[in-house]
Protein backbone atom coordinates (compact mmCIF):
# COMPACT_ATOMS: atom_id res chain seq x y z
CA MET A 1 70.21 190.80 221.57
CA THR A 2 69.26 187.19 220.97
CA SER A 3 67.48 185.31 218.23
CA THR A 4 66.12 182.69 220.64
CA PHE A 5 62.33 182.54 220.83
CA VAL A 6 61.17 183.03 224.42
CA ASP A 7 58.23 180.74 225.19
CA ASP A 8 55.12 181.99 226.96
CA GLY A 9 56.01 180.32 230.27
CA GLN A 10 59.39 182.05 230.45
CA ALA A 11 57.86 185.38 229.50
CA ARG A 12 55.09 185.13 232.11
CA ALA A 13 57.70 184.30 234.75
CA ALA A 14 59.69 187.38 233.70
CA VAL A 15 56.60 189.54 234.14
CA ARG A 16 55.91 188.07 237.59
CA GLU A 17 59.51 188.69 238.64
CA ALA A 18 59.26 192.29 237.49
CA ARG A 19 56.32 193.17 239.71
CA PRO A 20 58.07 193.40 243.10
CA ALA A 21 60.65 195.87 241.76
CA GLN A 22 60.27 199.57 242.37
CA VAL A 23 58.16 201.05 239.57
CA PRO A 24 59.78 204.23 238.21
CA THR A 25 57.91 207.28 236.96
CA ALA A 26 57.34 207.47 233.22
CA LYS A 27 59.51 210.55 232.86
CA ALA A 28 62.45 209.13 234.83
CA LEU A 29 62.33 205.84 232.95
CA TYR A 30 62.03 207.62 229.59
CA PHE A 31 65.29 209.51 229.98
CA SER A 32 67.06 206.60 231.70
CA LEU A 33 66.27 204.25 228.83
CA LEU A 34 67.59 206.78 226.33
CA ASP A 35 70.79 207.36 228.32
CA ASN A 36 71.61 203.94 229.77
CA PRO A 37 69.15 201.15 228.89
CA ALA A 38 71.40 198.40 230.24
CA GLY A 39 71.32 199.99 233.68
CA CYS A 40 67.54 200.03 234.10
CA ARG A 41 66.27 196.73 232.71
CA ASP A 42 64.62 195.72 235.99
CA ALA A 43 62.92 199.12 236.17
CA ALA A 44 61.69 198.72 232.57
CA ARG A 45 60.17 195.32 233.33
CA ALA A 46 58.53 196.59 236.49
CA TYR A 47 57.12 199.57 234.63
CA LEU A 48 55.67 197.41 231.86
CA ALA A 49 54.12 194.98 234.32
CA ALA A 50 52.49 197.87 236.19
CA GLN A 51 51.21 199.51 233.00
CA ILE A 52 49.77 196.22 231.75
CA GLU A 53 47.76 195.92 234.97
CA VAL A 54 46.43 199.45 234.48
CA ALA A 55 45.66 198.85 230.79
CA ARG A 56 43.54 195.79 231.51
CA ALA A 57 40.82 198.13 232.73
CA GLU A 58 40.63 199.68 229.24
CA PRO A 59 38.16 198.38 226.64
CA CYS A 60 39.55 196.46 223.68
CA GLU A 61 37.77 196.49 220.34
CA LEU A 62 39.86 193.74 218.72
CA PRO A 63 37.88 190.76 217.38
CA ASP A 64 37.97 187.49 219.29
CA ALA A 65 39.86 185.54 216.63
CA VAL A 66 42.93 186.32 214.53
CA TRP A 67 41.23 185.24 211.31
CA GLN A 68 38.73 188.09 211.79
CA LEU A 69 41.45 190.75 211.91
CA GLN A 70 41.67 191.46 208.18
CA GLY A 71 37.97 192.22 207.90
CA TRP A 72 38.09 194.27 211.09
CA ILE A 73 40.98 196.39 209.78
CA GLN A 74 39.28 196.91 206.44
CA GLY A 75 36.07 197.91 208.19
CA ARG A 76 37.93 200.52 210.21
CA ALA A 77 39.51 201.85 207.02
CA GLU A 78 36.10 202.25 205.40
CA THR A 79 34.68 203.95 208.50
CA VAL A 80 37.49 206.46 208.70
CA GLY A 81 37.26 207.17 204.99
CA ILE A 82 33.62 208.12 205.36
CA ALA A 83 34.31 210.22 208.46
CA TYR A 84 37.16 212.09 206.79
CA ARG A 85 35.05 212.73 203.71
CA GLU A 86 32.36 214.20 205.96
CA TYR A 87 34.97 216.37 207.69
CA LEU A 88 36.22 217.74 204.37
CA ALA A 89 32.67 218.44 203.20
CA ALA A 90 31.93 220.32 206.42
CA ARG A 91 35.08 222.40 206.04
CA LYS A 92 34.18 223.20 202.46
CA ASN A 93 30.80 224.44 203.69
CA GLY A 94 32.41 226.83 206.15
CA ALA A 95 32.92 224.76 209.33
CA PRO A 96 35.86 225.92 211.47
CA ARG A 97 38.95 223.84 212.13
CA ARG A 98 38.08 220.95 214.43
CA TYR A 99 41.36 220.76 216.35
CA PHE A 100 43.44 223.92 216.24
CA SER A 101 42.01 227.32 217.16
CA ASN A 102 45.17 229.08 215.97
CA LYS A 103 48.81 228.41 215.10
CA ALA A 104 49.94 228.58 218.73
CA HIS A 105 47.48 225.78 219.50
CA ALA A 106 48.99 223.63 216.76
CA LEU A 107 52.55 224.28 217.98
CA TYR A 108 51.47 223.51 221.54
CA PHE A 109 50.30 220.14 220.23
CA LEU A 110 53.59 219.49 218.40
CA LYS A 111 55.51 220.14 221.59
CA GLY A 112 53.06 218.21 223.76
CA VAL A 113 53.41 214.95 221.84
CA ALA A 114 57.18 215.28 221.33
CA PRO A 115 58.19 212.67 223.95
CA THR A 116 56.25 210.05 221.97
CA LYS A 117 57.16 211.20 218.48
CA LEU A 118 60.88 211.38 219.29
CA VAL A 119 60.99 207.63 219.97
CA ASP A 120 58.72 206.74 217.06
CA GLY A 121 58.92 203.04 216.26
CA ALA A 122 61.03 202.23 219.34
CA TRP A 123 58.78 199.38 220.49
CA LEU A 124 60.06 197.26 217.59
CA TYR A 125 63.79 197.74 218.22
CA GLY A 126 64.06 194.47 220.14
CA THR A 127 63.04 192.46 217.07
CA LEU A 128 66.22 193.29 215.13
CA GLY A 129 68.03 190.29 216.59
CA ARG A 130 65.43 187.94 215.11
CA TRP A 131 66.47 188.68 211.52
CA ASP A 132 67.16 184.98 210.86
CA ASN A 133 63.47 184.11 211.45
CA PRO A 134 61.33 185.19 208.45
CA ASP A 135 58.24 185.41 210.66
CA PHE A 136 59.80 188.46 212.35
CA HIS A 137 60.48 190.24 209.07
CA PRO A 138 57.15 192.14 208.98
CA LEU A 139 58.06 193.71 212.35
CA ILE A 140 61.68 194.33 211.41
CA LYS A 141 60.75 195.90 208.10
CA THR A 142 58.24 198.14 209.89
CA TYR A 143 61.03 199.32 212.22
CA LEU A 144 63.33 199.95 209.26
CA GLU A 145 60.63 202.05 207.61
CA GLU A 146 60.14 204.03 210.84
CA LEU A 147 63.87 204.72 210.54
CA GLY A 148 63.41 205.74 206.91
CA ASP A 149 65.63 202.82 205.82
CA GLY A 150 68.52 205.05 206.83
CA VAL A 151 67.55 208.00 204.61
CA PRO A 152 67.53 211.22 206.71
CA ASP A 153 64.59 212.66 204.76
CA LYS A 154 62.45 209.68 205.77
CA ASN A 155 63.65 208.91 209.30
CA HIS A 156 60.66 209.73 211.49
CA VAL A 157 62.64 210.98 214.48
CA THR A 158 64.84 213.17 212.30
CA LEU A 159 61.76 214.65 210.65
CA TYR A 160 60.13 215.44 213.97
CA ARG A 161 63.30 216.95 215.44
CA ARG A 162 63.48 219.28 212.44
CA LEU A 163 59.82 220.20 212.82
CA LEU A 164 60.31 221.13 216.48
CA ALA A 165 63.45 223.14 215.73
CA THR A 166 61.76 225.05 212.92
CA HIS A 167 59.10 226.37 215.28
CA GLY A 168 61.13 226.82 218.48
CA CYS A 169 59.45 223.89 220.25
CA GLU A 170 62.57 222.02 221.37
CA HIS A 171 62.03 222.64 225.09
CA TRP A 172 59.61 219.83 225.87
CA ASP A 173 61.47 218.10 228.71
CA THR A 174 59.45 220.00 231.36
CA LEU A 175 56.13 218.57 230.14
CA PRO A 176 53.90 216.85 232.73
CA GLU A 177 54.35 213.18 233.60
CA ASP A 178 51.47 211.84 231.49
CA HIS A 179 53.13 213.15 228.31
CA PHE A 180 55.94 210.62 228.83
CA VAL A 181 53.84 207.51 229.43
CA GLN A 182 53.63 206.38 225.80
CA GLY A 183 57.31 207.08 225.16
CA ALA A 184 58.33 205.16 228.28
CA ILE A 185 56.18 202.21 227.24
CA GLN A 186 57.73 202.18 223.77
CA LEU A 187 61.29 202.36 225.12
CA ALA A 188 60.63 199.66 227.72
CA LEU A 189 59.21 197.36 225.03
CA ALA A 190 62.24 198.18 222.87
CA HIS A 191 64.68 196.80 225.42
CA GLU A 192 62.54 194.01 226.87
CA ALA A 193 61.13 192.48 223.68
CA ASP A 194 62.25 188.95 224.56
CA ALA A 195 60.21 188.92 227.78
CA PHE A 196 57.27 190.87 226.35
CA LEU A 197 57.07 189.66 222.75
CA PRO A 198 53.25 189.15 222.65
CA GLU A 199 52.79 192.64 224.13
CA VAL A 200 55.12 194.08 221.49
CA VAL A 201 53.03 192.40 218.79
CA GLY A 202 49.79 193.71 220.30
CA TYR A 203 51.09 197.21 220.85
CA ASN A 204 52.31 197.30 217.27
CA LEU A 205 48.92 196.14 216.00
CA GLY A 206 47.21 198.98 217.84
CA TYR A 207 49.71 201.70 217.01
CA GLU A 208 49.73 200.97 213.29
CA GLN A 209 45.97 201.40 212.82
CA LEU A 210 45.57 204.81 211.23
CA PRO A 211 43.15 207.04 213.15
CA LEU A 212 41.01 209.85 211.83
CA HIS A 213 42.83 212.36 214.02
CA LEU A 214 46.02 211.87 211.98
CA LEU A 215 44.30 212.95 208.77
CA ILE A 216 42.62 215.95 210.37
CA THR A 217 45.85 216.97 212.10
CA ALA A 218 47.79 216.94 208.82
CA TYR A 219 45.05 218.91 207.05
CA GLU A 220 44.86 221.62 209.69
CA LEU A 221 48.61 221.92 210.18
CA ASN A 222 48.93 222.55 206.47
CA GLU A 223 46.24 225.24 206.69
CA LEU A 224 48.23 226.98 209.42
CA GLY A 225 51.47 226.99 207.42
CA ILE A 226 53.12 224.13 209.34
CA ASP A 227 54.74 221.38 207.26
CA PRO A 228 52.51 218.29 207.74
CA TYR A 229 54.91 215.84 206.10
CA TYR A 230 55.73 213.89 209.28
CA PHE A 231 52.01 213.18 209.66
CA THR A 232 51.17 212.54 206.01
CA LEU A 233 54.10 210.14 205.82
CA HIS A 234 52.41 208.06 208.50
CA VAL A 235 49.16 208.11 206.54
CA THR A 236 50.88 206.45 203.59
CA VAL A 237 53.19 203.96 205.31
CA ASP A 238 50.60 202.78 207.86
CA ASN A 239 47.94 201.88 205.30
CA ALA A 240 45.86 198.75 205.76
CA GLY A 241 46.41 197.47 202.23
CA SER A 242 50.17 196.98 202.09
CA GLY A 243 51.67 199.11 204.86
CA HIS A 244 52.36 198.78 208.55
CA ALA A 245 48.81 197.85 209.49
CA HIS A 246 48.99 194.89 207.09
CA LYS A 247 52.45 193.89 208.37
CA ALA A 248 51.15 194.03 211.95
CA GLU A 249 48.42 191.53 211.10
CA GLN A 250 50.94 189.27 209.34
CA ALA A 251 53.31 189.29 212.29
CA LEU A 252 50.58 188.39 214.76
CA ALA A 253 49.38 185.42 212.72
CA HIS A 254 52.88 184.04 212.13
CA LEU A 255 54.25 184.48 215.64
CA MET A 256 51.13 183.24 217.36
CA ALA A 257 51.42 180.04 215.33
CA GLN A 258 54.93 179.52 216.79
CA SER A 259 53.69 179.78 220.37
CA GLY A 260 53.18 176.69 222.50
CA ASP A 261 49.95 178.21 223.82
CA PRO A 262 48.30 180.38 221.15
CA ALA A 263 45.38 181.33 223.40
CA ALA A 264 47.71 182.64 226.13
CA PHE A 265 49.79 184.43 223.49
CA PHE A 266 46.71 186.18 222.10
CA ALA A 267 45.57 187.19 225.60
CA ARG A 268 48.89 188.97 226.06
CA VAL A 269 48.56 190.50 222.60
CA LEU A 270 45.35 192.12 223.88
CA ASP A 271 47.30 193.49 226.86
CA GLY A 272 49.83 195.03 224.50
CA TYR A 273 47.10 196.48 222.33
CA ARG A 274 45.52 198.18 225.37
CA LEU A 275 48.85 199.80 226.28
CA ASN A 276 48.13 202.28 223.47
CA ASP A 277 45.32 203.72 225.60
CA LEU A 278 47.49 205.00 228.46
CA GLY A 279 48.88 208.48 229.11
CA ALA A 280 48.41 211.67 227.12
CA CYS A 281 47.24 211.18 223.53
CA THR A 282 46.69 213.39 220.49
CA THR A 283 43.19 214.51 221.36
CA SER A 284 43.84 214.98 225.08
CA VAL A 285 46.86 217.18 224.34
CA ILE A 286 44.83 219.21 221.84
CA GLY A 287 41.95 219.50 224.29
CA ALA A 288 44.18 220.70 227.14
CA PHE A 289 45.25 223.88 225.32
CA ASP A 290 44.41 227.16 227.04
CA LEU A 291 45.95 230.13 225.21
CA GLU A 292 46.13 232.48 228.18
CA ALA A 293 47.29 229.78 230.57
CA GLU A 294 50.10 228.88 228.16
CA LEU A 295 51.14 232.53 227.92
CA VAL A 296 51.12 232.85 231.71
CA GLU A 297 53.31 229.75 231.96
CA ILE A 298 55.76 231.21 229.44
CA LEU A 299 55.94 234.55 231.27
CA THR A 300 56.32 232.79 234.61
CA ALA A 301 59.40 231.00 233.30
CA LYS A 302 60.77 234.29 231.95
CA ALA A 303 60.09 236.03 235.26
CA ALA A 304 62.35 233.60 237.11
CA VAL A 305 65.28 235.06 235.16
CA GLY A 306 64.10 238.59 234.39
CA LYS A 307 62.43 239.69 237.62
CA ASN A 308 65.45 241.81 238.60
CA MET A 309 66.53 242.89 235.12
CA HIS A 310 64.18 245.83 234.44
CA SER A 311 64.78 249.49 235.15
CA ASP A 312 62.45 251.28 237.56
CA TYR A 313 61.58 254.01 235.08
CA CYS A 314 59.14 251.68 233.34
CA ARG A 315 55.99 251.37 235.45
CA VAL A 316 52.66 249.65 234.78
CA ALA A 317 49.65 250.60 236.92
CA GLY A 318 52.01 252.45 239.23
CA ARG A 319 54.28 249.47 239.86
CA SER A 320 57.69 248.58 238.44
CA VAL A 321 58.01 245.61 236.11
CA ASN A 322 60.38 243.98 238.61
CA ASP A 323 57.66 244.27 241.25
CA TRP A 324 55.09 242.65 238.97
CA LEU A 325 57.45 239.78 238.13
CA ALA A 326 58.55 239.14 241.72
CA ASP A 327 55.61 236.81 242.35
CA ALA A 328 54.49 234.36 239.64
CA LYS A 329 50.91 234.57 240.91
CA GLN A 330 50.80 238.18 239.71
CA ILE A 331 51.43 237.35 236.03
CA PRO A 332 47.73 237.16 234.99
CA ALA A 333 47.06 240.50 236.68
CA PHE A 334 50.18 241.92 235.01
CA LEU A 335 48.83 240.97 231.58
CA THR A 336 45.52 242.65 232.41
CA ALA A 337 47.37 245.75 233.57
CA LEU A 338 49.40 245.87 230.35
CA ALA A 339 46.18 245.76 228.33
CA ASP A 340 44.45 248.35 230.52
CA ALA A 341 47.44 250.69 230.19
CA GLY A 342 47.46 250.38 226.39
CA TRP A 343 50.74 248.51 226.17
CA ILE A 344 48.78 245.64 224.57
CA GLN A 345 45.86 246.21 222.21
CA ARG A 346 43.79 243.03 222.44
CA GLY A 347 41.93 242.01 219.30
CA GLU A 348 44.13 244.13 217.01
CA ASP A 349 47.17 243.51 214.86
CA VAL A 350 50.26 242.91 217.01
CA GLU A 351 52.07 245.90 215.49
CA HIS A 352 49.59 248.14 217.29
CA SER A 353 50.87 246.90 220.66
CA ARG A 354 53.87 248.66 222.16
CA PHE A 355 54.72 245.54 224.14
CA TRP A 356 55.04 243.52 220.92
CA ARG A 357 57.37 246.14 219.46
CA LEU A 358 59.68 245.60 222.43
CA ILE A 359 60.06 242.00 221.26
CA GLN A 360 60.02 242.38 217.48
CA GLY A 361 61.33 245.35 215.60
CA GLU A 362 64.40 247.19 214.38
CA ARG A 363 65.46 248.36 217.83
CA ALA A 364 63.49 245.92 219.96
CA GLU A 365 64.81 246.14 223.52
CA MET A 366 63.73 242.54 224.26
CA PHE A 367 64.91 241.00 220.98
CA GLY A 368 65.81 237.31 221.45
CA VAL A 369 64.05 236.93 224.79
CA PHE A 370 61.16 234.91 223.33
CA SER A 371 61.53 231.84 221.09
CA SER A 372 59.51 231.58 217.89
CA TYR A 373 57.00 229.33 219.67
CA GLU A 374 56.64 231.76 222.57
CA GLN A 375 56.21 234.67 220.16
CA GLN A 376 53.44 232.76 218.37
CA VAL A 377 51.60 232.22 221.66
CA LEU A 378 51.90 235.92 222.49
CA ARG A 379 50.87 236.95 218.99
CA ASP A 380 47.75 234.79 219.01
CA TRP A 381 46.81 235.99 222.50
CA ILE A 382 47.13 239.64 221.46
CA VAL A 383 45.03 239.31 218.31
CA THR A 384 42.33 237.38 220.21
CA PRO A 385 39.72 239.67 221.80
CA ARG A 386 39.42 239.40 225.58
CA ASP A 387 35.96 237.85 225.60
CA ALA A 388 36.97 235.28 222.95
CA THR A 389 39.81 234.02 225.17
CA ALA A 390 37.43 233.33 228.04
CA THR A 391 34.94 231.57 225.75
CA ALA A 392 37.63 229.37 224.20
CA ARG A 393 38.53 227.99 227.63
CA THR A 394 35.13 226.33 227.94
CA ASP A 395 35.18 224.86 224.44
CA ARG A 396 38.06 222.40 224.48
CA VAL A 397 38.08 219.03 222.75
CA LEU A 398 38.39 216.26 225.35
CA SER A 399 37.96 212.97 223.49
CA HIS A 400 38.85 209.52 224.75
CA ARG A 401 41.61 207.72 222.87
CA ALA A 402 39.24 204.86 222.06
CA ARG A 403 37.35 207.26 219.80
CA GLN A 404 40.51 208.70 218.29
CA ARG A 405 41.76 205.23 217.31
CA ALA A 406 38.42 203.98 216.05
CA LEU A 407 38.96 205.30 212.53
CA ASP A 408 41.54 205.05 209.74
CA THR A 409 42.01 205.60 205.98
CA LEU A 410 44.51 205.99 203.13
CA THR A 411 45.78 209.17 201.53
CA GLN A 412 48.71 210.05 199.34
CA HIS A 413 51.46 212.65 199.73
CA ALA A 414 53.44 214.28 196.98
CA PRO A 415 56.85 212.58 196.56
CA ARG A 416 59.84 214.27 198.15
CA SER A 417 63.43 214.25 197.11
CA GLY A 418 65.43 211.67 199.07
CA TYR A 419 69.10 211.33 199.89
CA PRO A 420 71.14 209.12 197.54
CA GLU A 421 71.69 205.73 199.13
CA ARG A 422 75.22 204.62 199.81
CA GLY A 423 76.55 201.17 199.09
CA LEU A 424 76.64 198.50 201.78
CA ILE A 425 80.43 198.38 201.85
CA ARG A 426 82.12 201.33 200.21
CA ARG A 427 85.88 201.59 200.45
CA ARG A 428 87.15 205.15 200.44
CA PRO A 429 89.88 207.29 201.96
CA GLY A 430 89.38 208.18 205.63
CA GLY A 431 88.09 211.66 206.39
CA ALA A 432 87.76 213.84 209.43
CA GLY A 433 85.22 213.74 212.24
CA GLY A 434 82.02 211.90 211.36
CA ASP A 435 83.36 210.69 208.01
CA THR A 436 86.13 208.81 209.83
CA GLU A 437 83.58 207.19 212.13
CA LEU A 438 81.46 206.08 209.17
CA HIS A 439 84.52 204.75 207.37
CA GLN A 440 85.50 202.77 210.47
CA LEU A 441 82.02 201.25 210.63
CA GLU A 442 82.33 200.12 207.03
CA GLU A 443 85.66 198.52 207.84
CA ARG A 444 84.32 196.77 210.94
CA VAL A 445 81.37 195.33 209.06
CA ALA A 446 83.60 194.26 206.17
CA ASN A 447 85.88 192.46 208.63
CA ALA A 448 83.10 190.86 210.69
CA ALA A 449 83.37 187.12 211.30
CA GLY A 450 80.08 186.58 209.52
CA LYS A 451 76.58 187.88 208.98
CA LEU A 452 75.56 187.11 212.57
CA ASP A 453 78.29 189.37 213.98
CA ALA A 454 77.69 192.07 211.38
CA MET A 455 73.94 192.23 212.06
CA ALA A 456 74.48 192.39 215.84
CA MET A 457 77.03 195.17 215.41
CA LEU A 458 74.66 197.20 213.22
CA ALA A 459 71.63 196.59 215.45
CA ARG A 460 73.41 198.19 218.41
CA LEU A 461 73.70 201.40 216.36
CA MET A 462 70.00 201.35 215.49
CA SER A 463 68.70 201.82 219.04
CA PRO A 464 66.08 204.53 219.71
CA SER A 465 68.70 206.93 221.03
CA VAL A 466 71.17 206.51 218.14
CA HIS A 467 69.42 205.56 214.90
CA HIS A 468 68.77 209.17 213.79
CA THR A 469 72.47 210.11 214.03
CA ALA A 470 74.79 209.90 211.04
CA ILE A 471 76.28 206.58 212.10
CA GLY A 472 72.85 205.22 213.04
CA LEU A 473 71.43 206.13 209.65
CA MET A 474 74.33 204.44 207.93
CA ALA A 475 73.96 201.34 210.12
CA THR A 476 70.28 201.21 209.15
CA ARG A 477 71.11 201.27 205.45
CA MET A 478 73.65 198.51 205.86
CA TYR A 479 71.36 196.37 208.04
CA SER A 480 68.55 196.74 205.51
CA ARG A 481 70.81 195.58 202.68
CA LEU A 482 72.13 192.60 204.66
CA LEU A 483 68.62 191.58 205.76
CA ASP A 484 67.62 191.03 202.14
CA ALA A 485 70.98 189.56 201.08
């Protein structure tokens, strides 16, 4: 990582050079950048160049001049505040949830946006090497806050990993390609910040504007018994008054002033801003939910393993379970047959269904076959009457991201207990396992030739694939202390 400012001419040349390279798929690049970023830098540049070309077809609501940004941001905040107030009033008067039809729907959303949430803040990683330039501090401090300043309870990736694990939603790697577009963009920007600095600034400006959907999502998750803290934390830290939205505006103004061609810099900022519009987004993931289709997909995956595991004595509609599961295309008909035969009582409590008792119960023959997420999908499908399932399919929310990002506001969240912070350099006896590794890091930083070497050493441990680990969290705490020293 370098602290040298890359001028616009060099950066534009880097983008041009990237274009002839083979453009990888979002999913392939996503996992490659997490595993071996140094080995796919050309692919990352090519991917960004291609995505920028696609994004230029998207509308951009940013004002024409930087000096207008503050008023524009404040206007958005006021608009979202009014819209959220209207949402709350409608709910109080009996309106149904706007986003989530049931808990399975909400968990489907959590899993569907996981590739993006699990690299939260990554687009700013490449700014860590610019710590000696105060104009980069708003971006660096934003990244540190995304990492929770090294406190596990506040690290955004750690929080989201816990949320997924709590609800059995860890298996997200088979999601469709478009679910990985935003994550791949963020990781590519993370490792190519020198060549794409204006795009990083623009992407950050767009990402840090709080949308209405974040507030509604948090409200409805809480209603469904799902901890909304990951989302409410973003509501507070991204605020337009003093949070990430304000820092994004500061960074743009300061860094654009350093550019040899401010107009060209701002044009590329607009490109970066538009990158937020690509791939699956919150509202498109929510709108794509189909309860029965999700259940069929779950059972299809189970059938691949269990199609030869059932005894012939159990028959449904005159056919063995193994026969039903032999062809994935038969799964919808199998569900209908289970309901027709009384194994599943649609529209009633799950305990009334014999099939459910095979999964949950004192002597459940299929105990452990379904994860907590899969059980929730099955539960919600059972308690939903047949006709309601068909109706729900035609009533999905399919909003464009431009609408979702058009609104923002401020809310507060009750304070949570944090982890005690450790000192920057703390001498102590060596321990076993992870403790030894942390102790060695302290020793290496203490023995560094100077602040330049120490900051570079720590920054390497704060990459998107490492920062949420024990040593990454410690490196973040130490970097944060040294930045302000």
